[in-house]
PDB file of N, CA and C in Angstrom:
ATOM      1  N   LYS A   1    -108.072 -19.768 152.857  1.00  0.00           N
ATOM      2  CA  LYS A   1    -107.598 -20.344 152.284  1.00  0.00           C
ATOM      3  C   LYS A   1    -106.180 -20.220 152.774  1.00  0.00           C
ATOM      4  N   GLU A   2    -105.673 -19.684 153.431  1.00  0.00           N
ATOM      5  CA  GLU A   2    -104.710 -19.321 154.725  1.00  0.00           C
ATOM      6  C   GLU A   2    -104.519 -20.319 155.615  1.00  0.00           C
ATOM      7  N   LYS A   3    -105.475 -20.303 155.518  1.00  0.00           N
ATOM      8  CA  LYS A   3    -105.708 -22.080 156.365  1.00  0.00           C
ATOM      9  C   LYS A   3    -105.911 -23.266 156.262  1.00  0.00           C
ATOM     10  N   ASP A   4    -106.374 -22.903 155.488  1.00  0.00           N
ATOM     11  CA  ASP A   4    -105.786 -24.548 154.408  1.00  0.00           C
ATOM     12  C   ASP A   4    -104.662 -24.999 154.255  1.00  0.00           C
ATOM     13  N   LYS A   5    -103.760 -24.273 153.835  1.00  0.00           N
ATOM     14  CA  LYS A   5    -102.367 -24.193 153.803  1.00  0.00           C
ATOM     15  C   LYS A   5    -101.436 -24.555 154.894  1.00  0.00           C
ATOM     16  N   LEU A   6    -101.683 -23.534 156.229  1.00  0.00           N
ATOM     17  CA  LEU A   6    -101.408 -23.150 157.596  1.00  0.00           C
ATOM     18  C   LEU A   6    -101.330 -25.716 158.194  1.00  0.00           C
ATOM     19  N   GLN A   7    -102.706 -25.327 157.405  1.00  0.00           N
ATOM     20  CA  GLN A   7    -102.708 -26.918 157.513  1.00  0.00           C
ATOM     21  C   GLN A   7    -102.521 -28.462 157.032  1.00  0.00           C
ATOM     22  N   ARG A   8    -102.378 -28.278 155.976  1.00  0.00           N
ATOM     23  CA  ARG A   8    -101.396 -29.011 155.022  1.00  0.00           C
ATOM     24  C   ARG A   8     -99.698 -28.818 155.509  1.00  0.00           C
ATOM     25  N   ASP A   9     -99.614 -27.553 155.543  1.00  0.00           N
ATOM     26  CA  ASP A   9     -97.793 -28.123 156.084  1.00  0.00           C
ATOM     27  C   ASP A   9     -97.877 -28.512 157.545  1.00  0.00           C
ATOM     28  N   ARG A  10     -98.435 -28.020 158.771  1.00  0.00           N
ATOM     29  CA  ARG A  10     -98.962 -28.967 159.764  1.00  0.00           C
ATOM     30  C   ARG A  10     -99.052 -30.333 159.633  1.00  0.00           C
ATOM     31  N   ASP A  11     -99.072 -31.121 158.652  1.00  0.00           N
ATOM     32  CA  ASP A  11     -99.792 -32.021 159.018  1.00  0.00           C
ATOM     33  C   ASP A  11     -98.551 -33.172 157.984  1.00  0.00           C
ATOM     34  N   LYS A  12     -97.821 -32.166 157.094  1.00  0.00           N
ATOM     35  CA  LYS A  12     -96.603 -32.334 156.868  1.00  0.00           C
ATOM     36  C   LYS A  12     -95.314 -32.709 157.561  1.00  0.00           C
ATOM     37  N   LEU A  13     -95.658 -31.468 158.769  1.00  0.00           N
ATOM     38  CA  LEU A  13     -94.100 -31.861 159.837  1.00  0.00           C
ATOM     39  C   LEU A  13     -94.920 -33.266 160.670  1.00  0.00           C
ATOM     40  N   GLN A  14     -95.629 -33.428 160.735  1.00  0.00           N
ATOM     41  CA  GLN A  14     -95.969 -33.907 161.815  1.00  0.00           C
ATOM     42  C   GLN A  14     -95.935 -34.868 161.300  1.00  0.00           C
ATOM     43  N   SER A  15     -96.266 -34.983 159.663  1.00  0.00           N
ATOM     44  CA  SER A  15     -95.874 -36.702 159.209  1.00  0.00           C
ATOM     45  C   SER A  15     -93.889 -37.228 158.817  1.00  0.00           C
ATOM     46  N   GLU A  16     -93.409 -36.365 158.698  1.00  0.00           N
ATOM     47  CA  GLU A  16     -91.869 -35.899 159.312  1.00  0.00           C
ATOM     48  C   GLU A  16     -91.411 -36.103 159.786  1.00  0.00           C
ATOM     49  N   ARG A  17     -91.851 -35.313 162.026  1.00  0.00           N
ATOM     50  CA  ARG A  17     -91.742 -35.607 163.073  1.00  0.00           C
ATOM     51  C   ARG A  17     -91.776 -36.908 162.907  1.00  0.00           C
ATOM     52  N   ASP A  18     -92.904 -37.643 162.818  1.00  0.00           N
ATOM     53  CA  ASP A  18     -93.446 -38.686 162.810  1.00  0.00           C
ATOM     54  C   ASP A  18     -92.270 -40.279 161.873  1.00  0.00           C
ATOM     55  N   LYS A  19     -92.563 -39.142 160.665  1.00  0.00           N
ATOM     56  CA  LYS A  19     -91.041 -40.181 159.957  1.00  0.00           C
ATOM     57  C   LYS A  19     -89.741 -40.546 160.864  1.00  0.00           C
ATOM     58  N   LEU A  20     -89.260 -39.098 161.120  1.00  0.00           N
ATOM     59  CA  LEU A  20     -88.354 -39.646 162.352  1.00  0.00           C
ATOM     60  C   LEU A  20     -88.209 -39.939 163.785  1.00  0.00           C
ATOM     61  N   GLN A  21     -89.110 -40.115 164.352  1.00  0.00           N
ATOM     62  CA  GLN A  21     -88.929 -40.273 165.191  1.00  0.00           C
ATOM     63  C   GLN A  21     -89.547 -42.012 165.628  1.00  0.00           C
ATOM     64  N   SER A  22     -89.608 -42.561 164.205  1.00  0.00           N
ATOM     65  CA  SER A  22     -90.101 -44.088 164.192  1.00  0.00           C
ATOM     66  C   SER A  22     -88.614 -44.985 163.607  1.00  0.00           C
ATOM     67  N   GLU A  23     -87.985 -43.985 162.608  1.00  0.00           N
ATOM     68  CA  GLU A  23     -86.016 -44.423 162.491  1.00  0.00           C
ATOM     69  C   GLU A  23     -85.412 -43.620 163.738  1.00  0.00           C
ATOM     70  N   ARG A  24     -85.439 -43.114 164.319  1.00  0.00           N
ATOM     71  CA  ARG A  24     -84.366 -43.309 165.659  1.00  0.00           C
ATOM     72  C   ARG A  24     -85.344 -44.268 166.710  1.00  0.00           C
ATOM     73  N   GLU A  25     -85.988 -44.797 167.094  1.00  0.00           N
ATOM     74  CA  GLU A  25     -86.633 -45.773 167.713  1.00  0.00           C
ATOM     75  C   GLU A  25     -86.408 -47.353 167.350  1.00  0.00           C
ATOM     76  N   SER A  26     -86.596 -47.092 165.695  1.00  0.00           N
ATOM     77  CA  SER A  26     -85.813 -48.476 165.310  1.00  0.00           C
ATOM     78  C   SER A  26     -83.909 -48.673 165.408  1.00  0.00           C
ATOM     79  N   CYS A  27     -83.259 -47.394 165.090  1.00  0.00           N
ATOM     80  CA  CYS A  27     -81.663 -47.547 165.486  1.00  0.00           C
ATOM     81  C   CYS A  27     -81.329 -47.115 166.046  1.00  0.00           C
ATOM     82  N   LEU A  28     -80.550 -47.135 167.063  1.00  0.00           N
ATOM     83  CA  LEU A  28     -80.405 -46.533 168.444  1.00  0.00           C
ATOM     84  C   LEU A  28     -78.427 -46.927 168.178  1.00  0.00           C
ATOM     85  N   LEU A  29     -78.633 -45.757 168.333  1.00  0.00           N
ATOM     86  CA  LEU A  29     -76.821 -45.289 168.892  1.00  0.00           C
ATOM     87  C   LEU A  29     -75.578 -46.029 169.348  1.00  0.00           C
ATOM     88  N   VAL A  30     -75.779 -46.694 169.527  1.00  0.00           N
ATOM     89  CA  VAL A  30     -74.526 -47.730 170.161  1.00  0.00           C
ATOM     90  C   VAL A  30     -73.378 -46.473 171.006  1.00  0.00           C
ATOM     91  N   LYS A  31     -71.941 -46.526 169.722  1.00  0.00           N
ATOM     92  CA  LYS A  31     -70.995 -45.809 170.481  1.00  0.00           C
ATOM     93  C   LYS A  31     -69.997 -45.615 169.014  1.00  0.00           C
ATOM     94  N   VAL A  32     -69.137 -44.923 169.637  1.00  0.00           N
ATOM     95  CA  VAL A  32     -68.702 -44.534 168.442  1.00  0.00           C
ATOM     96  C   VAL A  32     -67.021 -44.864 168.232  1.00  0.00           C
ATOM     97  N   PHE A  33     -66.383 -45.613 167.824  1.00  0.00           N
ATOM     98  CA  PHE A  33     -65.134 -45.760 167.554  1.00  0.00           C
ATOM     99  C   PHE A  33     -64.439 -45.545 166.432  1.00  0.00           C
ATOM    100  N   GLY A  34     -62.879 -44.910 167.121  1.00  0.00           N
ATOM    101  CA  GLY A  34     -62.737 -44.182 165.709  1.00  0.00           C
ATOM    102  C   GLY A  34     -62.900 -42.842 165.305  1.00  0.00           C
ATOM    103  N   ASN A  35     -63.274 -43.199 164.147  1.00  0.00           N
ATOM    104  CA  ASN A  35     -64.043 -41.822 163.380  1.00  0.00           C
ATOM    105  C   ASN A  35     -65.537 -42.298 162.742  1.00  0.00           C
ATOM    106  N   SER A  36     -66.048 -43.372 163.453  1.00  0.00           N
ATOM    107  CA  SER A  36     -66.775 -43.400 163.203  1.00  0.00           C
ATOM    108  C   SER A  36     -67.857 -43.916 164.470  1.00  0.00           C
ATOM    109  N   ASN A  37     -69.318 -43.641 163.733  1.00  0.00           N
ATOM    110  CA  ASN A  37     -70.466 -43.979 164.462  1.00  0.00           C
ATOM    111  C   ASN A  37     -71.125 -45.446 163.733  1.00  0.00           C
ATOM    112  N   TYR A  38     -71.475 -45.986 164.799  1.00  0.00           N
ATOM    113  CA  TYR A  38     -71.496 -47.775 164.848  1.00  0.00           C
ATOM    114  C   TYR A  38     -73.274 -47.832 165.727  1.00  0.00           C
ATOM    115  N   TYR A  39     -74.246 -48.265 165.041  1.00  0.00           N
ATOM    116  CA  TYR A  39     -75.440 -48.183 164.878  1.00  0.00           C
ATOM    117  C   TYR A  39     -75.689 -49.521 164.708  1.00  0.00           C
ATOM    118  N   VAL A  40     -77.289 -49.497 166.097  1.00  0.00           N
ATOM    119  CA  VAL A  40     -77.653 -50.886 165.644  1.00  0.00           C
ATOM    120  C   VAL A  40     -79.360 -51.082 165.592  1.00  0.00           C
ATOM    121  N   SER A  41     -79.552 -51.414 164.447  1.00  0.00           N
ATOM    122  CA  SER A  41     -80.840 -51.076 164.364  1.00  0.00           C
ATOM    123  C   SER A  41     -81.652 -52.360 165.751  1.00  0.00           C
ATOM    124  N   ILE A  42     -82.821 -52.666 166.116  1.00  0.00           N
ATOM    125  CA  ILE A  42     -83.356 -53.681 166.393  1.00  0.00           C
ATOM    126  C   ILE A  42     -84.162 -53.947 165.934  1.00  0.00           C
ATOM    127  N   GLU A  43     -84.722 -53.973 165.134  1.00  0.00           N
ATOM    128  CA  GLU A  43     -85.217 -55.414 163.463  1.00  0.00           C
ATOM    129  C   GLU A  43     -84.329 -56.656 163.354  1.00  0.00           C
ATOM    130  N   GLN A  44     -84.948 -57.298 163.055  1.00  0.00           N
ATOM    131  CA  GLN A  44     -84.467 -58.931 162.601  1.00  0.00           C
ATOM    132  C   GLN A  44     -84.289 -59.091 160.979  1.00  0.00           C
ATOM    133  N   ASN A  45     -83.508 -58.968 160.873  1.00  0.00           N
ATOM    134  CA  ASN A  45     -83.554 -58.937 159.174  1.00  0.00           C
ATOM    135  C   ASN A  45     -82.386 -59.402 158.267  1.00  0.00           C
ATOM    136  N   ASN A  46     -82.937 -59.882 157.105  1.00  0.00           N
ATOM    137  CA  ASN A  46     -81.538 -60.610 156.540  1.00  0.00           C
ATOM    138  C   ASN A  46     -80.886 -59.949 155.895  1.00  0.00           C
ATOM    139  N   TRP A  47     -79.729 -59.863 155.000  1.00  0.00           N
ATOM    140  CA  TRP A  47     -78.377 -59.255 155.388  1.00  0.00           C
ATOM    141  C   TRP A  47     -78.868 -58.697 154.341  1.00  0.00           C
ATOM    142  N   GLU A  48     -79.797 -58.597 152.191  1.00  0.00           N
ATOM    143  CA  GLU A  48     -79.689 -57.557 152.160  1.00  0.00           C
ATOM    144  C   GLU A  48     -80.815 -56.295 152.866  1.00  0.00           C
ATOM    145  N   PHE A  49     -81.736 -56.993 153.886  1.00  0.00           N
ATOM    146  CA  PHE A  49     -82.520 -55.561 154.603  1.00  0.00           C
ATOM    147  C   PHE A  49     -81.400 -54.764 155.027  1.00  0.00           C
ATOM    148  N   ALA A  50     -80.927 -54.883 155.646  1.00  0.00           N
ATOM    149  CA  ALA A  50     -79.693 -54.551 156.407  1.00  0.00           C
ATOM    150  C   ALA A  50     -78.818 -54.012 155.655  1.00  0.00           C
ATOM    151  N   LYS A  51     -78.265 -54.305 154.618  1.00  0.00           N
ATOM    152  CA  LYS A  51     -77.526 -53.727 153.683  1.00  0.00           C
ATOM    153  C   LYS A  51     -78.404 -52.262 153.511  1.00  0.00           C
ATOM    154  N   GLN A  52     -79.587 -52.711 152.175  1.00  0.00           N
ATOM    155  CA  GLN A  52     -80.496 -51.393 151.929  1.00  0.00           C
ATOM    156  C   GLN A  52     -80.863 -49.621 153.021  1.00  0.00           C
ATOM    157  N   ASP A  53     -81.617 -50.742 154.604  1.00  0.00           N
ATOM    158  CA  ASP A  53     -81.738 -50.106 155.384  1.00  0.00           C
ATOM    159  C   ASP A  53     -79.684 -48.842 155.711  1.00  0.00           C
ATOM    160  N   CYS A  54     -79.836 -49.384 155.441  1.00  0.00           N
ATOM    161  CA  CYS A  54     -77.591 -48.695 156.167  1.00  0.00           C
ATOM    162  C   CYS A  54     -77.605 -47.780 154.735  1.00  0.00           C
ATOM    163  N   LEU A  55     -77.685 -48.032 153.339  1.00  0.00           N
ATOM    164  CA  LEU A  55     -77.904 -47.067 152.533  1.00  0.00           C
ATOM    165  C   LEU A  55     -79.182 -46.687 152.727  1.00  0.00           C
ATOM    166  N   ASN A  56     -80.620 -46.414 153.179  1.00  0.00           N
ATOM    167  CA  ASN A  56     -81.313 -45.614 153.061  1.00  0.00           C
ATOM    168  C   ASN A  56     -80.961 -44.463 153.968  1.00  0.00           C
ATOM    169  N   ARG A  57     -80.382 -44.927 155.456  1.00  0.00           N
ATOM    170  CA  ARG A  57     -80.029 -43.805 156.469  1.00  0.00           C
ATOM    171  C   ARG A  57     -78.718 -43.179 156.088  1.00  0.00           C
ATOM    172  N   ARG A  58     -78.151 -43.131 154.790  1.00  0.00           N
ATOM    173  CA  ARG A  58     -76.314 -42.546 154.389  1.00  0.00           C
ATOM    174  C   ARG A  58     -75.585 -43.282 154.772  1.00  0.00           C
ATOM    175  N   ALA A  59     -75.452 -44.898 155.034  1.00  0.00           N
ATOM    176  CA  ALA A  59     -74.374 -45.498 156.051  1.00  0.00           C
ATOM    177  C   ALA A  59     -74.603 -46.666 155.277  1.00  0.00           C
ATOM    178  N   THR A  60     -73.893 -47.860 155.954  1.00  0.00           N
ATOM    179  CA  THR A  60     -73.087 -48.574 154.960  1.00  0.00           C
ATOM    180  C   THR A  60     -72.839 -49.336 156.278  1.00  0.00           C
ATOM    181  N   LEU A  61     -73.574 -50.968 155.716  1.00  0.00           N
ATOM    182  CA  LEU A  61     -73.332 -51.868 156.649  1.00  0.00           C
ATOM    183  C   LEU A  61     -71.176 -51.706 157.461  1.00  0.00           C
ATOM    184  N   VAL A  62     -70.751 -52.367 158.350  1.00  0.00           N
ATOM    185  CA  VAL A  62     -69.465 -52.295 158.836  1.00  0.00           C
ATOM    186  C   VAL A  62     -68.580 -52.754 157.603  1.00  0.00           C
ATOM    187  N   ILE A  63     -67.485 -52.158 157.808  1.00  0.00           N
ATOM    188  CA  ILE A  63     -66.424 -53.066 157.095  1.00  0.00           C
ATOM    189  C   ILE A  63     -65.216 -52.896 158.184  1.00  0.00           C
ATOM    190  N   ILE A  64     -64.722 -54.182 158.498  1.00  0.00           N
ATOM    191  CA  ILE A  64     -64.092 -54.651 159.515  1.00  0.00           C
ATOM    192  C   ILE A  64     -62.488 -54.411 158.839  1.00  0.00           C
ATOM    193  N   ASN A  65     -62.050 -53.075 159.218  1.00  0.00           N
ATOM    194  CA  ASN A  65     -60.544 -52.630 158.916  1.00  0.00           C
ATOM    195  C   ASN A  65     -59.651 -53.154 159.666  1.00  0.00           C
ATOM    196  N   ASN A  66     -59.768 -53.690 160.874  1.00  0.00           N
ATOM    197  CA  ASN A  66     -57.797 -54.345 161.790  1.00  0.00           C
ATOM    198  C   ASN A  66     -59.080 -54.905 162.597  1.00  0.00           C
ATOM    199  N   GLU A  67     -57.772 -55.048 163.473  1.00  0.00           N
ATOM    200  CA  GLU A  67     -58.213 -56.258 164.890  1.00  0.00           C
ATOM    201  C   GLU A  67     -58.583 -55.605 165.543  1.00  0.00           C
ATOM    202  N   GLU A  68     -58.667 -54.034 166.135  1.00  0.00           N
ATOM    203  CA  GLU A  68     -59.169 -53.368 166.802  1.00  0.00           C
ATOM    204  C   GLU A  68     -60.807 -53.414 166.359  1.00  0.00           C
ATOM    205  N   GLU A  69     -61.118 -52.936 165.487  1.00  0.00           N
ATOM    206  CA  GLU A  69     -62.338 -52.942 164.902  1.00  0.00           C
ATOM    207  C   GLU A  69     -63.052 -53.931 165.253  1.00  0.00           C
ATOM    208  N   GLN A  70     -62.334 -54.972 165.581  1.00  0.00           N
ATOM    209  CA  GLN A  70     -63.166 -56.121 165.145  1.00  0.00           C
ATOM    210  C   GLN A  70     -63.443 -56.426 166.577  1.00  0.00           C
ATOM    211  N   LYS A  71     -62.280 -56.428 167.661  1.00  0.00           N
ATOM    212  CA  LYS A  71     -62.556 -56.802 168.635  1.00  0.00           C
ATOM    213  C   LYS A  71     -64.272 -55.650 169.526  1.00  0.00           C
ATOM    214  N   PHE A  72     -63.723 -54.398 169.076  1.00  0.00           N
ATOM    215  CA  PHE A  72     -64.516 -53.362 169.126  1.00  0.00           C
ATOM    216  C   PHE A  72     -66.055 -54.145 168.969  1.00  0.00           C
ATOM    217  N   LEU A  73     -66.337 -54.575 167.788  1.00  0.00           N
ATOM    218  CA  LEU A  73     -67.637 -55.475 167.781  1.00  0.00           C
ATOM    219  C   LEU A  73     -68.335 -56.531 168.602  1.00  0.00           C
ATOM    220  N   ILE A  74     -67.235 -57.516 168.363  1.00  0.00           N
ATOM    221  CA  ILE A  74     -67.137 -58.415 169.243  1.00  0.00           C
ATOM    222  C   ILE A  74     -67.888 -58.085 170.745  1.00  0.00           C
ATOM    223  N   SER A  75     -67.034 -56.744 171.421  1.00  0.00           N
ATOM    224  CA  SER A  75     -67.072 -56.368 172.628  1.00  0.00           C
ATOM    225  C   SER A  75     -68.624 -55.624 172.837  1.00  0.00           C
ATOM    226  N   LEU A  76     -69.189 -55.754 171.701  1.00  0.00           N
ATOM    227  CA  LEU A  76     -70.869 -55.598 171.496  1.00  0.00           C
ATOM    228  C   LEU A  76     -71.808 -56.393 172.276  1.00  0.00           C
ATOM    229  N   ASN A  77     -70.985 -57.218 172.087  1.00  0.00           N
ATOM    230  CA  ASN A  77     -71.624 -58.643 172.425  1.00  0.00           C
ATOM    231  C   ASN A  77     -73.638 -58.860 171.684  1.00  0.00           C
ATOM    232  N   ILE A  78     -73.099 -58.345 170.133  1.00  0.00           N
ATOM    233  CA  ILE A  78     -75.008 -58.208 169.551  1.00  0.00           C
ATOM    234  C   ILE A  78     -74.628 -59.525 168.359  1.00  0.00           C
ATOM    235  N   ARG A  79     -75.629 -59.919 167.308  1.00  0.00           N
ATOM    236  CA  ARG A  79     -75.130 -60.523 166.313  1.00  0.00           C
ATOM    237  C   ARG A  79     -75.237 -59.482 165.427  1.00  0.00           C
ATOM    238  N   THR A  80     -73.849 -59.230 164.384  1.00  0.00           N
ATOM    239  CA  THR A  80     -74.123 -58.270 163.832  1.00  0.00           C
ATOM    240  C   THR A  80     -74.102 -58.493 162.216  1.00  0.00           C
ATOM    241  N   TRP A  81     -74.453 -58.263 161.324  1.00  0.00           N
ATOM    242  CA  TRP A  81     -74.275 -58.155 159.913  1.00  0.00           C
ATOM    243  C   TRP A  81     -73.699 -56.900 159.363  1.00  0.00           C
ATOM    244  N   ILE A  82     -72.023 -57.523 159.479  1.00  0.00           N
ATOM    245  CA  ILE A  82     -70.781 -56.960 158.060  1.00  0.00           C
ATOM    246  C   ILE A  82     -70.638 -56.268 156.708  1.00  0.00           C
ATOM    247  N   GLY A  83     -70.512 -56.413 156.227  1.00  0.00           N
ATOM    248  CA  GLY A  83     -70.784 -55.645 155.117  1.00  0.00           C
ATOM    249  C   GLY A  83     -69.338 -56.541 154.247  1.00  0.00           C
ATOM    250  N   LEU A  84     -69.781 -57.728 154.384  1.00  0.00           N
ATOM    251  CA  LEU A  84     -69.290 -58.686 153.709  1.00  0.00           C
ATOM    252  C   LEU A  84     -69.949 -59.849 152.908  1.00  0.00           C
ATOM    253  N   SER A  85     -69.738 -59.765 151.546  1.00  0.00           N
ATOM    254  CA  SER A  85     -70.259 -60.987 150.715  1.00  0.00           C
ATOM    255  C   SER A  85     -70.003 -61.972 149.556  1.00  0.00           C
ATOM    256  N   ASP A  86     -70.338 -62.872 149.215  1.00  0.00           N
ATOM    257  CA  ASP A  86     -69.821 -63.655 147.720  1.00  0.00           C
ATOM    258  C   ASP A  86     -70.779 -63.076 146.923  1.00  0.00           C
ATOM    259  N   ILE A  87     -72.105 -62.254 147.424  1.00  0.00           N
ATOM    260  CA  ILE A  87     -72.863 -62.186 146.437  1.00  0.00           C
ATOM    261  C   ILE A  87     -72.961 -62.336 144.731  1.00  0.00           C
ATOM    262  N   GLU A  88     -72.096 -61.679 144.193  1.00  0.00           N
ATOM    263  CA  GLU A  88     -71.682 -61.152 143.078  1.00  0.00           C
ATOM    264  C   GLU A  88     -70.665 -62.661 142.479  1.00  0.00           C
ATOM    265  N   THR A  89     -70.170 -63.169 142.796  1.00  0.00           N
ATOM    266  CA  THR A  89     -69.135 -64.213 142.723  1.00  0.00           C
ATOM    267  C   THR A  89     -68.982 -64.997 143.881  1.00  0.00           C
ATOM    268  N   LYS A  90     -69.618 -66.085 143.929  1.00  0.00           N
ATOM    269  CA  LYS A  90     -69.686 -67.398 144.484  1.00  0.00           C
ATOM    270  C   LYS A  90     -68.451 -68.064 144.856  1.00  0.00           C
ATOM    271  N   GLY A  91     -67.852 -67.218 146.579  1.00  0.00           N
ATOM    272  CA  GLY A  91     -66.870 -67.750 146.758  1.00  0.00           C
ATOM    273  C   GLY A  91     -65.101 -66.486 146.861  1.00  0.00           C
ATOM    274  N   THR A  92     -66.010 -65.637 146.323  1.00  0.00           N
ATOM    275  CA  THR A  92     -64.854 -64.300 146.210  1.00  0.00           C
ATOM    276  C   THR A  92     -65.703 -63.032 147.302  1.00  0.00           C
ATOM    277  N   TRP A  93     -65.053 -62.587 148.340  1.00  0.00           N
ATOM    278  CA  TRP A  93     -65.661 -62.350 148.991  1.00  0.00           C
ATOM    279  C   TRP A  93     -65.108 -60.966 148.800  1.00  0.00           C
ATOM    280  N   ARG A  94     -66.198 -60.487 149.448  1.00  0.00           N
ATOM    281  CA  ARG A  94     -66.052 -58.576 149.130  1.00  0.00           C
ATOM    282  C   ARG A  94     -66.613 -57.946 149.736  1.00  0.00           C
ATOM    283  N   TRP A  95     -65.581 -56.859 150.710  1.00  0.00           N
ATOM    284  CA  TRP A  95     -66.834 -55.714 151.316  1.00  0.00           C
ATOM    285  C   TRP A  95     -67.719 -54.852 150.577  1.00  0.00           C
ATOM    286  N   VAL A  96     -68.788 -54.318 151.140  1.00  0.00           N
ATOM    287  CA  VAL A  96     -69.812 -53.878 150.168  1.00  0.00           C
ATOM    288  C   VAL A  96     -69.205 -52.243 149.319  1.00  0.00           C
ATOM    289  N   ASP A  97     -67.894 -51.536 150.112  1.00  0.00           N
ATOM    290  CA  ASP A  97     -67.489 -50.873 149.102  1.00  0.00           C
ATOM    291  C   ASP A  97     -66.563 -51.560 147.678  1.00  0.00           C
ATOM    292  N   GLY A  98     -66.644 -52.734 147.996  1.00  0.00           N
ATOM    293  CA  GLY A  98     -66.044 -53.530 146.574  1.00  0.00           C
ATOM    294  C   GLY A  98     -64.145 -53.688 147.002  1.00  0.00           C
ATOM    295  N   THR A  99     -63.968 -53.601 147.756  1.00  0.00           N
ATOM    296  CA  THR A  99     -63.039 -53.976 148.338  1.00  0.00           C
ATOM    297  C   THR A  99     -62.766 -55.699 148.890  1.00  0.00           C
ATOM    298  N   PRO A 100     -61.494 -56.635 147.998  1.00  0.00           N
ATOM    299  CA  PRO A 100     -61.467 -57.676 148.164  1.00  0.00           C
ATOM    300  C   PRO A 100     -61.269 -58.120 149.968  1.00  0.00           C
ATOM    301  N   LEU A 101     -61.661 -59.008 150.405  1.00  0.00           N
ATOM    302  CA  LEU A 101     -61.722 -59.847 152.281  1.00  0.00           C
ATOM    303  C   LEU A 101     -59.781 -59.440 151.960  1.00  0.00           C
ATOM    304  N   THR A 102     -59.095 -59.709 152.936  1.00  0.00           N
ATOM    305  CA  THR A 102     -57.370 -60.047 153.319  1.00  0.00           C
ATOM    306  C   THR A 102     -58.036 -60.414 154.627  1.00  0.00           C
ATOM    307  N   THR A 103     -56.511 -61.199 154.185  1.00  0.00           N
ATOM    308  CA  THR A 103     -56.855 -62.177 155.978  1.00  0.00           C
ATOM    309  C   THR A 103     -54.932 -61.325 156.679  1.00  0.00           C
ATOM    310  N   ALA A 104     -55.098 -60.370 156.176  1.00  0.00           N
ATOM    311  CA  ALA A 104     -53.516 -60.083 157.006  1.00  0.00           C
ATOM    312  C   ALA A 104     -54.264 -59.607 158.215  1.00  0.00           C
TER     313      ALA A 104
END
């Protein structure tokens, strides 16, 4: 009985390890800018998938707060999904945290 319990615990830990390893391989920590960590997924998917993937990782798509941050993202030289959409009201752009787009 004890051996069976240990085997189940071992299997569960191996499964969790494999899941964490898979997550680590699909998402690479790129750089720290300001107080934020920026991750880049090696998967190519649509905006909705990217948004949900971030939420699953307890993160959000990037919200660009200033020109320096925008320059940082451009300097990565990669195609990037940002947290801006007009999905709720066509033509009204909002960041994923609900704040409206400003061009100041």
